[in-house]
Amino acid sequence: MEAVGISTDDVWTLCMLLDADKNGTIDLDEFVAGCMQLHGPAKSLQIAKMSFENKLTRQAIRNLGQETLDIKTQLETISKFFSSASPVDLAEDPQLKEAF
């Protein structure tokens, strides 16, 4: 692979790029189509597209992180409520009766 300018470290990445249908194998059509796309230097439009997709991915990860923190806070609040309430309090709580 190094003879064509691809380091052995990048072989796995190349295989993932060529496997268009993500089934774990690369058929002849995928190989040819992938190589045609990778031929020559990256075009500015391709780089801009990758940059934009990267930005969207980073934002989605940030949003998931915030949502996870929000859920954690809610679960901690619920846990504190149940650990401090007596069984009688729980049985008489109107919100719990409504929920169950």
PDB file of N, CA and C in Angstrom:
ATOM      1  N   MET A   1       0.826  -1.202   0.000  1.00  0.00           N
ATOM      2  CA  MET A   1       0.000   0.000   0.000  1.00  0.00           C
ATOM      3  C   MET A   1       0.869   1.265   0.000  1.00  0.00           C
ATOM      4  N   GLU A   2       2.027   1.167   0.643  1.00  0.00           N
ATOM      5  CA  GLU A   2       2.892   2.345   0.671  1.00  0.00           C
ATOM      6  C   GLU A   2       3.380   2.711  -0.720  1.00  0.00           C
ATOM      7  N   ALA A   3       3.398   1.736  -1.643  1.00  0.00           N
ATOM      8  CA  ALA A   3       3.823   2.012  -3.017  1.00  0.00           C
ATOM      9  C   ALA A   3       2.878   2.978  -3.722  1.00  0.00           C
ATOM     10  N   VAL A   4       1.615   3.018  -3.288  1.00  0.00           N
ATOM     11  CA  VAL A   4       0.641   3.937  -3.883  1.00  0.00           C
ATOM     12  C   VAL A   4       0.370   5.138  -2.983  1.00  0.00           C
ATOM     13  N   GLY A   5       1.205   5.327  -1.974  1.00  0.00           N
ATOM     14  CA  GLY A   5       1.099   6.513  -1.138  1.00  0.00           C
ATOM     15  C   GLY A   5       0.147   6.386   0.036  1.00  0.00           C
ATOM     16  N   ILE A   6      -0.190   5.161   0.430  1.00  0.00           N
ATOM     17  CA  ILE A   6      -1.087   4.951   1.575  1.00  0.00           C
ATOM     18  C   ILE A   6      -0.290   4.229   2.652  1.00  0.00           C
ATOM     19  N   SER A   7      -0.188   4.853   3.806  1.00  0.00           N
ATOM     20  CA  SER A   7       0.571   4.230   4.887  1.00  0.00           C
ATOM     21  C   SER A   7      -0.213   3.038   5.432  1.00  0.00           C
ATOM     22  N   THR A   8       0.499   2.114   6.009  1.00  0.00           N
ATOM     23  CA  THR A   8      -0.166   0.937   6.574  1.00  0.00           C
ATOM     24  C   THR A   8      -1.118   1.330   7.703  1.00  0.00           C
ATOM     25  N   ASP A   9      -0.868   2.468   8.349  1.00  0.00           N
ATOM     26  CA  ASP A   9      -1.764   2.950   9.402  1.00  0.00           C
ATOM     27  C   ASP A   9      -3.124   3.351   8.848  1.00  0.00           C
ATOM     28  N   ASP A  10      -3.163   3.745   7.573  1.00  0.00           N
ATOM     29  CA  ASP A  10      -4.406   4.231   6.966  1.00  0.00           C
ATOM     30  C   ASP A  10      -5.188   3.152   6.225  1.00  0.00           C
ATOM     31  N   VAL A  11      -4.705   1.926   6.214  1.00  0.00           N
ATOM     32  CA  VAL A  11      -5.379   0.860   5.464  1.00  0.00           C
ATOM     33  C   VAL A  11      -6.784   0.619   6.020  1.00  0.00           C
ATOM     34  N   TRP A  12      -6.938   0.557   7.335  1.00  0.00           N
ATOM     35  CA  TRP A  12      -8.262   0.329   7.935  1.00  0.00           C
ATOM     36  C   TRP A  12      -9.228   1.448   7.556  1.00  0.00           C
ATOM     37  N   THR A  13      -8.753   2.676   7.609  1.00  0.00           N
ATOM     38  CA  THR A  13      -9.592   3.814   7.226  1.00  0.00           C
ATOM     39  C   THR A  13      -9.995   3.701   5.765  1.00  0.00           C
ATOM     40  N   LEU A  14      -9.065   3.337   4.915  1.00  0.00           N
ATOM     41  CA  LEU A  14      -9.362   3.167   3.488  1.00  0.00           C
ATOM     42  C   LEU A  14     -10.436   2.100   3.293  1.00  0.00           C
ATOM     43  N   CYS A  15     -10.305   0.991   3.988  1.00  0.00           N
ATOM     44  CA  CYS A  15     -11.304  -0.083   3.862  1.00  0.00           C
ATOM     45  C   CYS A  15     -12.682   0.395   4.304  1.00  0.00           C
ATOM     46  N   MET A  16     -12.752   1.149   5.382  1.00  0.00           N
ATOM     47  CA  MET A  16     -14.046   1.664   5.849  1.00  0.00           C
ATOM     48  C   MET A  16     -14.636   2.623   4.820  1.00  0.00           C
ATOM     49  N   LEU A  17     -13.790   3.430   4.183  1.00  0.00           N
ATOM     50  CA  LEU A  17     -14.271   4.362   3.162  1.00  0.00           C
ATOM     51  C   LEU A  17     -14.781   3.627   1.927  1.00  0.00           C
ATOM     52  N   LEU A  18     -14.108   2.560   1.537  1.00  0.00           N
ATOM     53  CA  LEU A  18     -14.485   1.831   0.332  1.00  0.00           C
ATOM     54  C   LEU A  18     -15.739   0.979   0.539  1.00  0.00           C
ATOM     55  N   ASP A  19     -16.001   0.540   1.758  1.00  0.00           N
ATOM     56  CA  ASP A  19     -17.159  -0.306   2.060  1.00  0.00           C
ATOM     57  C   ASP A  19     -18.413   0.562   2.134  1.00  0.00           C
ATOM     58  N   ALA A  20     -18.943   0.914   0.977  1.00  0.00           N
ATOM     59  CA  ALA A  20     -20.056   1.870   0.898  1.00  0.00           C
ATOM     60  C   ALA A  20     -21.318   1.378   1.594  1.00  0.00           C
ATOM     61  N   ASP A  21     -21.617   0.080   1.498  1.00  0.00           N
ATOM     62  CA  ASP A  21     -22.848  -0.422   2.110  1.00  0.00           C
ATOM     63  C   ASP A  21     -22.641  -0.906   3.549  1.00  0.00           C
ATOM     64  N   LYS A  22     -21.428  -0.752   4.058  1.00  0.00           N
ATOM     65  CA  LYS A  22     -21.078  -1.051   5.461  1.00  0.00           C
ATOM     66  C   LYS A  22     -21.434  -2.482   5.873  1.00  0.00           C
ATOM     67  N   ASN A  23     -21.243  -3.446   4.954  1.00  0.00           N
ATOM     68  CA  ASN A  23     -21.522  -4.837   5.286  1.00  0.00           C
ATOM     69  C   ASN A  23     -20.270  -5.618   5.676  1.00  0.00           C
ATOM     70  N   GLY A  24     -19.135  -4.944   5.740  1.00  0.00           N
ATOM     71  CA  GLY A  24     -17.895  -5.591   6.159  1.00  0.00           C
ATOM     72  C   GLY A  24     -17.085  -6.191   5.036  1.00  0.00           C
ATOM     73  N   THR A  25     -17.594  -6.088   3.815  1.00  0.00           N
ATOM     74  CA  THR A  25     -16.838  -6.569   2.660  1.00  0.00           C
ATOM     75  C   THR A  25     -16.812  -5.475   1.595  1.00  0.00           C
ATOM     76  N   ILE A  26     -15.826  -5.572   0.718  1.00  0.00           N
ATOM     77  CA  ILE A  26     -15.709  -4.592  -0.367  1.00  0.00           C
ATOM     78  C   ILE A  26     -15.817  -5.361  -1.678  1.00  0.00           C
ATOM     79  N   ASP A  27     -16.928  -5.161  -2.391  1.00  0.00           N
ATOM     80  CA  ASP A  27     -17.058  -5.837  -3.687  1.00  0.00           C
ATOM     81  C   ASP A  27     -16.390  -4.988  -4.766  1.00  0.00           C
ATOM     82  N   LEU A  28     -16.345  -5.524  -5.972  1.00  0.00           N
ATOM     83  CA  LEU A  28     -15.632  -4.855  -7.058  1.00  0.00           C
ATOM     84  C   LEU A  28     -16.203  -3.465  -7.348  1.00  0.00           C
ATOM     85  N   ASP A  29     -17.538  -3.347  -7.359  1.00  0.00           N
ATOM     86  CA  ASP A  29     -18.169  -2.046  -7.639  1.00  0.00           C
ATOM     87  C   ASP A  29     -17.789  -1.012  -6.569  1.00  0.00           C
ATOM     88  N   GLU A  30     -17.815  -1.427  -5.302  1.00  0.00           N
ATOM     89  CA  GLU A  30     -17.441  -0.507  -4.223  1.00  0.00           C
ATOM     90  C   GLU A  30     -15.979  -0.087  -4.354  1.00  0.00           C
ATOM     91  N   PHE A  31     -15.131  -1.056  -4.665  1.00  0.00           N
ATOM     92  CA  PHE A  31     -13.702  -0.764  -4.790  1.00  0.00           C
ATOM     93  C   PHE A  31     -13.444   0.240  -5.903  1.00  0.00           C
ATOM     94  N   VAL A  32     -14.033  -0.002  -7.068  1.00  0.00           N
ATOM     95  CA  VAL A  32     -13.822   0.890  -8.217  1.00  0.00           C
ATOM     96  C   VAL A  32     -14.397   2.270  -7.938  1.00  0.00           C
ATOM     97  N   ALA A  33     -15.637   2.323  -7.432  1.00  0.00           N
ATOM     98  CA  ALA A  33     -16.272   3.618  -7.146  1.00  0.00           C
ATOM     99  C   ALA A  33     -15.486   4.382  -6.087  1.00  0.00           C
ATOM    100  N   GLY A  34     -15.050   3.680  -5.052  1.00  0.00           N
ATOM    101  CA  GLY A  34     -14.279   4.330  -4.002  1.00  0.00           C
ATOM    102  C   GLY A  34     -12.945   4.860  -4.491  1.00  0.00           C
ATOM    103  N   CYS A  35     -12.273   4.068  -5.292  1.00  0.00           N
ATOM    104  CA  CYS A  35     -10.973   4.506  -5.836  1.00  0.00           C
ATOM    105  C   CYS A  35     -11.138   5.702  -6.766  1.00  0.00           C
ATOM    106  N   MET A  36     -12.232   5.714  -7.525  1.00  0.00           N
ATOM    107  CA  MET A  36     -12.482   6.853  -8.423  1.00  0.00           C
ATOM    108  C   MET A  36     -12.691   8.132  -7.615  1.00  0.00           C
ATOM    109  N   GLN A  37     -13.363   8.024  -6.484  1.00  0.00           N
ATOM    110  CA  GLN A  37     -13.583   9.206  -5.650  1.00  0.00           C
ATOM    111  C   GLN A  37     -12.299   9.659  -4.984  1.00  0.00           C
ATOM    112  N   LEU A  38     -11.427   8.728  -4.669  1.00  0.00           N
ATOM    113  CA  LEU A  38     -10.192   9.053  -3.962  1.00  0.00           C
ATOM    114  C   LEU A  38      -9.063   9.441  -4.910  1.00  0.00           C
ATOM    115  N   HIS A  39      -9.287   9.348  -6.200  1.00  0.00           N
ATOM    116  CA  HIS A  39      -8.246   9.671  -7.177  1.00  0.00           C
ATOM    117  C   HIS A  39      -7.931  11.167  -7.157  1.00  0.00           C
ATOM    118  N   GLY A  40      -6.662  11.495  -7.069  1.00  0.00           N
ATOM    119  CA  GLY A  40      -6.238  12.885  -7.118  1.00  0.00           C
ATOM    120  C   GLY A  40      -6.413  13.610  -5.799  1.00  0.00           C
ATOM    121  N   PRO A  41      -6.068  14.875  -5.774  1.00  0.00           N
ATOM    122  CA  PRO A  41      -6.171  15.657  -4.540  1.00  0.00           C
ATOM    123  C   PRO A  41      -7.631  15.949  -4.184  1.00  0.00           C
ATOM    124  N   ALA A  42      -7.846  16.165  -2.915  1.00  0.00           N
ATOM    125  CA  ALA A  42      -9.200  16.483  -2.457  1.00  0.00           C
ATOM    126  C   ALA A  42      -9.637  17.818  -3.037  1.00  0.00           C
ATOM    127  N   LYS A  43     -10.883  17.861  -3.487  1.00  0.00           N
ATOM    128  CA  LYS A  43     -11.434  19.101  -4.024  1.00  0.00           C
ATOM    129  C   LYS A  43     -11.927  19.957  -2.864  1.00  0.00           C
ATOM    130  N   SER A  44     -11.900  21.251  -3.066  1.00  0.00           N
ATOM    131  CA  SER A  44     -12.306  22.158  -1.986  1.00  0.00           C
ATOM    132  C   SER A  44     -13.739  21.902  -1.547  1.00  0.00           C
ATOM    133  N   LEU A  45     -14.606  21.519  -2.468  1.00  0.00           N
ATOM    134  CA  LEU A  45     -15.990  21.215  -2.106  1.00  0.00           C
ATOM    135  C   LEU A  45     -16.054  19.999  -1.188  1.00  0.00           C
ATOM    136  N   GLN A  46     -15.252  18.978  -1.464  1.00  0.00           N
ATOM    137  CA  GLN A  46     -15.219  17.794  -0.613  1.00  0.00           C
ATOM    138  C   GLN A  46     -14.725  18.149   0.785  1.00  0.00           C
ATOM    139  N   ILE A  47     -13.697  18.987   0.847  1.00  0.00           N
ATOM    140  CA  ILE A  47     -13.159  19.397   2.145  1.00  0.00           C
ATOM    141  C   ILE A  47     -14.189  20.219   2.911  1.00  0.00           C
ATOM    142  N   ALA A  48     -14.880  21.122   2.209  1.00  0.00           N
ATOM    143  CA  ALA A  48     -15.908  21.944   2.853  1.00  0.00           C
ATOM    144  C   ALA A  48     -17.045  21.060   3.361  1.00  0.00           C
ATOM    145  N   LYS A  49     -17.434  20.041   2.579  1.00  0.00           N
ATOM    146  CA  LYS A  49     -18.496  19.127   2.999  1.00  0.00           C
ATOM    147  C   LYS A  49     -18.077  18.366   4.246  1.00  0.00           C
ATOM    148  N   MET A  50     -16.862  17.870   4.262  1.00  0.00           N
ATOM    149  CA  MET A  50     -16.374  17.134   5.428  1.00  0.00           C
ATOM    150  C   MET A  50     -16.306  18.042   6.652  1.00  0.00           C
ATOM    151  N   SER A  51     -15.877  19.266   6.461  1.00  0.00           N
ATOM    152  CA  SER A  51     -15.805  20.210   7.570  1.00  0.00           C
ATOM    153  C   SER A  51     -17.196  20.485   8.135  1.00  0.00           C
ATOM    154  N   PHE A  52     -18.166  20.668   7.256  1.00  0.00           N
ATOM    155  CA  PHE A  52     -19.539  20.922   7.683  1.00  0.00           C
ATOM    156  C   PHE A  52     -20.105  19.716   8.427  1.00  0.00           C
ATOM    157  N   GLU A  53     -19.904  18.517   7.878  1.00  0.00           N
ATOM    158  CA  GLU A  53     -20.396  17.307   8.532  1.00  0.00           C
ATOM    159  C   GLU A  53     -19.724  17.113   9.891  1.00  0.00           C
ATOM    160  N   ASN A  54     -18.449  17.443   9.975  1.00  0.00           N
ATOM    161  CA  ASN A  54     -17.713  17.357  11.231  1.00  0.00           C
ATOM    162  C   ASN A  54     -18.317  18.315  12.260  1.00  0.00           C
ATOM    163  N   LYS A  55     -18.650  19.513  11.813  1.00  0.00           N
ATOM    164  CA  LYS A  55     -19.253  20.505  12.703  1.00  0.00           C
ATOM    165  C   LYS A  55     -20.607  20.015  13.222  1.00  0.00           C
ATOM    166  N   LEU A  56     -21.426  19.438  12.336  1.00  0.00           N
ATOM    167  CA  LEU A  56     -22.725  18.910  12.749  1.00  0.00           C
ATOM    168  C   LEU A  56     -22.565  17.763  13.745  1.00  0.00           C
ATOM    169  N   THR A  57     -21.591  16.910  13.499  1.00  0.00           N
ATOM    170  CA  THR A  57     -21.344  15.782  14.388  1.00  0.00           C
ATOM    171  C   THR A  57     -20.908  16.259  15.766  1.00  0.00           C
ATOM    172  N   ARG A  58     -20.003  17.226  15.806  1.00  0.00           N
ATOM    173  CA  ARG A  58     -19.554  17.764  17.092  1.00  0.00           C
ATOM    174  C   ARG A  58     -20.714  18.387  17.862  1.00  0.00           C
ATOM    175  N   GLN A  59     -21.594  19.104  17.160  1.00  0.00           N
ATOM    176  CA  GLN A  59     -22.755  19.719  17.811  1.00  0.00           C
ATOM    177  C   GLN A  59     -23.699  18.646  18.344  1.00  0.00           C
ATOM    178  N   ALA A  60     -23.916  17.602  17.572  1.00  0.00           N
ATOM    179  CA  ALA A  60     -24.789  16.514  18.023  1.00  0.00           C
ATOM    180  C   ALA A  60     -24.213  15.836  19.263  1.00  0.00           C
ATOM    181  N   ILE A  61     -22.907  15.662  19.300  1.00  0.00           N
ATOM    182  CA  ILE A  61     -22.265  15.057  20.466  1.00  0.00           C
ATOM    183  C   ILE A  61     -22.407  15.969  21.678  1.00  0.00           C
ATOM    184  N   ARG A  62     -22.225  17.281  21.488  1.00  0.00           N
ATOM    185  CA  ARG A  62     -22.416  18.225  22.593  1.00  0.00           C
ATOM    186  C   ARG A  62     -23.850  18.158  23.118  1.00  0.00           C
ATOM    187  N   ASN A  63     -24.819  18.103  22.198  1.00  0.00           N
ATOM    188  CA  ASN A  63     -26.231  18.033  22.597  1.00  0.00           C
ATOM    189  C   ASN A  63     -26.508  16.753  23.381  1.00  0.00           C
ATOM    190  N   LEU A  64     -25.975  15.643  22.924  1.00  0.00           N
ATOM    191  CA  LEU A  64     -26.158  14.380  23.646  1.00  0.00           C
ATOM    192  C   LEU A  64     -25.534  14.450  25.033  1.00  0.00           C
ATOM    193  N   GLY A  65     -24.372  15.064  25.121  1.00  0.00           N
ATOM    194  CA  GLY A  65     -23.729  15.220  26.423  1.00  0.00           C
ATOM    195  C   GLY A  65     -24.589  16.034  27.376  1.00  0.00           C
ATOM    196  N   GLN A  66     -25.163  17.131  26.878  1.00  0.00           N
ATOM    197  CA  GLN A  66     -26.016  17.971  27.723  1.00  0.00           C
ATOM    198  C   GLN A  66     -27.282  17.230  28.120  1.00  0.00           C
ATOM    199  N   GLU A  67     -27.874  16.505  27.178  1.00  0.00           N
ATOM    200  CA  GLU A  67     -29.077  15.737  27.499  1.00  0.00           C
ATOM    201  C   GLU A  67     -28.772  14.662  28.538  1.00  0.00           C
ATOM    202  N   THR A  68     -27.611  14.046  28.433  1.00  0.00           N
ATOM    203  CA  THR A  68     -27.204  13.035  29.404  1.00  0.00           C
ATOM    204  C   THR A  68     -27.055  13.655  30.790  1.00  0.00           C
ATOM    205  N   LEU A  69     -26.454  14.830  30.865  1.00  0.00           N
ATOM    206  CA  LEU A  69     -26.322  15.519  32.153  1.00  0.00           C
ATOM    207  C   LEU A  69     -27.689  15.883  32.725  1.00  0.00           C
ATOM    208  N   ASP A  70     -28.599  16.328  31.854  1.00  0.00           N
ATOM    209  CA  ASP A  70     -29.952  16.664  32.306  1.00  0.00           C
ATOM    210  C   ASP A  70     -30.655  15.436  32.877  1.00  0.00           C
ATOM    211  N   ILE A  71     -30.543  14.314  32.192  1.00  0.00           N
ATOM    212  CA  ILE A  71     -31.169  13.072  32.672  1.00  0.00           C
ATOM    213  C   ILE A  71     -30.536  12.641  33.985  1.00  0.00           C
ATOM    214  N   LYS A  72     -29.224  12.764  34.090  1.00  0.00           N
ATOM    215  CA  LYS A  72     -28.536  12.403  35.333  1.00  0.00           C
ATOM    216  C   LYS A  72     -29.060  13.251  36.496  1.00  0.00           C
ATOM    217  N   THR A  73     -29.217  14.550  36.272  1.00  0.00           N
ATOM    218  CA  THR A  73     -29.737  15.451  37.303  1.00  0.00           C
ATOM    219  C   THR A  73     -31.148  15.045  37.711  1.00  0.00           C
ATOM    220  N   GLN A  74     -31.983  14.736  36.731  1.00  0.00           N
ATOM    221  CA  GLN A  74     -33.349  14.317  37.033  1.00  0.00           C
ATOM    222  C   GLN A  74     -33.366  13.014  37.833  1.00  0.00           C
ATOM    223  N   LEU A  75     -32.524  12.066  37.446  1.00  0.00           N
ATOM    224  CA  LEU A  75     -32.471  10.792  38.166  1.00  0.00           C
ATOM    225  C   LEU A  75     -31.964  10.979  39.594  1.00  0.00           C
ATOM    226  N   GLU A  76     -31.003  11.877  39.782  1.00  0.00           N
ATOM    227  CA  GLU A  76     -30.516  12.149  41.136  1.00  0.00           C
ATOM    228  C   GLU A  76     -31.620  12.760  41.990  1.00  0.00           C
ATOM    229  N   THR A  77     -32.410  13.654  41.411  1.00  0.00           N
ATOM    230  CA  THR A  77     -33.525  14.271  42.123  1.00  0.00           C
ATOM    231  C   THR A  77     -34.557  13.212  42.508  1.00  0.00           C
ATOM    232  N   ILE A  78     -34.880  12.344  41.580  1.00  0.00           N
ATOM    233  CA  ILE A  78     -35.841  11.274  41.864  1.00  0.00           C
ATOM    234  C   ILE A  78     -35.299  10.347  42.942  1.00  0.00           C
ATOM    235  N   SER A  79     -34.023  10.020  42.835  1.00  0.00           N
ATOM    236  CA  SER A  79     -33.400   9.124  43.823  1.00  0.00           C
ATOM    237  C   SER A  79     -33.443   9.738  45.218  1.00  0.00           C
ATOM    238  N   LYS A  80     -33.160  11.030  45.327  1.00  0.00           N
ATOM    239  CA  LYS A  80     -33.203  11.708  46.627  1.00  0.00           C
ATOM    240  C   LYS A  80     -34.629  11.708  47.182  1.00  0.00           C
ATOM    241  N   PHE A  81     -35.596  11.924  46.308  1.00  0.00           N
ATOM    242  CA  PHE A  81     -36.990  11.938  46.744  1.00  0.00           C
ATOM    243  C   PHE A  81     -37.386  10.584  47.327  1.00  0.00           C
ATOM    244  N   PHE A  82     -37.075   9.530  46.599  1.00  0.00           N
ATOM    245  CA  PHE A  82     -37.478   8.199  47.059  1.00  0.00           C
ATOM    246  C   PHE A  82     -36.685   7.735  48.271  1.00  0.00           C
ATOM    247  N   SER A  83     -35.429   8.161  48.383  1.00  0.00           N
ATOM    248  CA  SER A  83     -34.645   7.727  49.538  1.00  0.00           C
ATOM    249  C   SER A  83     -35.044   8.479  50.807  1.00  0.00           C
ATOM    250  N   SER A  84     -35.638   9.672  50.672  1.00  0.00           N
ATOM    251  CA  SER A  84     -36.029  10.438  51.855  1.00  0.00           C
ATOM    252  C   SER A  84     -37.491  10.227  52.234  1.00  0.00           C
ATOM    253  N   ALA A  85     -38.279   9.677  51.345  1.00  0.00           N
ATOM    254  CA  ALA A  85     -39.710   9.504  51.618  1.00  0.00           C
ATOM    255  C   ALA A  85     -39.956   8.173  52.306  1.00  0.00           C
ATOM    256  N   SER A  86     -40.913   8.184  53.226  1.00  0.00           N
ATOM    257  CA  SER A  86     -41.305   6.941  53.896  1.00  0.00           C
ATOM    258  C   SER A  86     -42.326   6.229  53.015  1.00  0.00           C
ATOM    259  N   PRO A  87     -42.536   4.938  53.237  1.00  0.00           N
ATOM    260  CA  PRO A  87     -43.534   4.206  52.434  1.00  0.00           C
ATOM    261  C   PRO A  87     -44.927   4.823  52.528  1.00  0.00           C
ATOM    262  N   VAL A  88     -45.282   5.362  53.696  1.00  0.00           N
ATOM    263  CA  VAL A  88     -46.601   5.986  53.856  1.00  0.00           C
ATOM    264  C   VAL A  88     -46.683   7.243  52.994  1.00  0.00           C
ATOM    265  N   ASP A  89     -45.619   8.061  53.000  1.00  0.00           N
ATOM    266  CA  ASP A  89     -45.593   9.271  52.179  1.00  0.00           C
ATOM    267  C   ASP A  89     -45.787   8.922  50.704  1.00  0.00           C
ATOM    268  N   LEU A  90     -45.125   7.874  50.262  1.00  0.00           N
ATOM    269  CA  LEU A  90     -45.215   7.486  48.862  1.00  0.00           C
ATOM    270  C   LEU A  90     -46.621   7.028  48.503  1.00  0.00           C
ATOM    271  N   ALA A  91     -47.255   6.285  49.402  1.00  0.00           N
ATOM    272  CA  ALA A  91     -48.594   5.772  49.127  1.00  0.00           C
ATOM    273  C   ALA A  91     -49.621   6.884  49.049  1.00  0.00           C
ATOM    274  N   GLU A  92     -49.374   7.985  49.762  1.00  0.00           N
ATOM    275  CA  GLU A  92     -50.344   9.065  49.797  1.00  0.00           C
ATOM    276  C   GLU A  92     -50.016  10.211  48.837  1.00  0.00           C
ATOM    277  N   ASP A  93     -48.924  10.115  48.126  1.00  0.00           N
ATOM    278  CA  ASP A  93     -48.527  11.172  47.204  1.00  0.00           C
ATOM    279  C   ASP A  93     -49.476  11.187  45.996  1.00  0.00           C
ATOM    280  N   PRO A  94     -50.183  12.294  45.757  1.00  0.00           N
ATOM    281  CA  PRO A  94     -51.157  12.328  44.647  1.00  0.00           C
ATOM    282  C   PRO A  94     -50.514  12.182  43.269  1.00  0.00           C
ATOM    283  N   GLN A  95     -49.312  12.695  43.105  1.00  0.00           N
ATOM    284  CA  GLN A  95     -48.652  12.575  41.805  1.00  0.00           C
ATOM    285  C   GLN A  95     -48.283  11.122  41.507  1.00  0.00           C
ATOM    286  N   LEU A  96     -47.864  10.402  42.542  1.00  0.00           N
ATOM    287  CA  LEU A  96     -47.523   8.994  42.347  1.00  0.00           C
ATOM    288  C   LEU A  96     -48.791   8.170  42.081  1.00  0.00           C
ATOM    289  N   LYS A  97     -49.868   8.489  42.793  1.00  0.00           N
ATOM    290  CA  LYS A  97     -51.129   7.776  42.554  1.00  0.00           C
ATOM    291  C   LYS A  97     -51.571   7.969  41.118  1.00  0.00           C
ATOM    292  N   GLU A  98     -51.419   9.197  40.629  1.00  0.00           N
ATOM    293  CA  GLU A  98     -51.806   9.513  39.254  1.00  0.00           C
ATOM    294  C   GLU A  98     -50.931   8.767  38.250  1.00  0.00           C
ATOM    295  N   ALA A  99     -49.648   8.633  38.567  1.00  0.00           N
ATOM    296  CA  ALA A  99     -48.727   7.984  37.646  1.00  0.00           C
ATOM    297  C   ALA A  99     -48.954   6.490  37.571  1.00  0.00           C
ATOM    298  N   PHE A 100     -49.459   5.892  38.680  1.00  0.00           N
ATOM    299  CA  PHE A 100     -49.644   4.449  38.707  1.00  0.00           C
ATOM    300  C   PHE A 100     -51.111   4.155  38.765  1.00  0.00           C
TER     301      PHE A 100
END
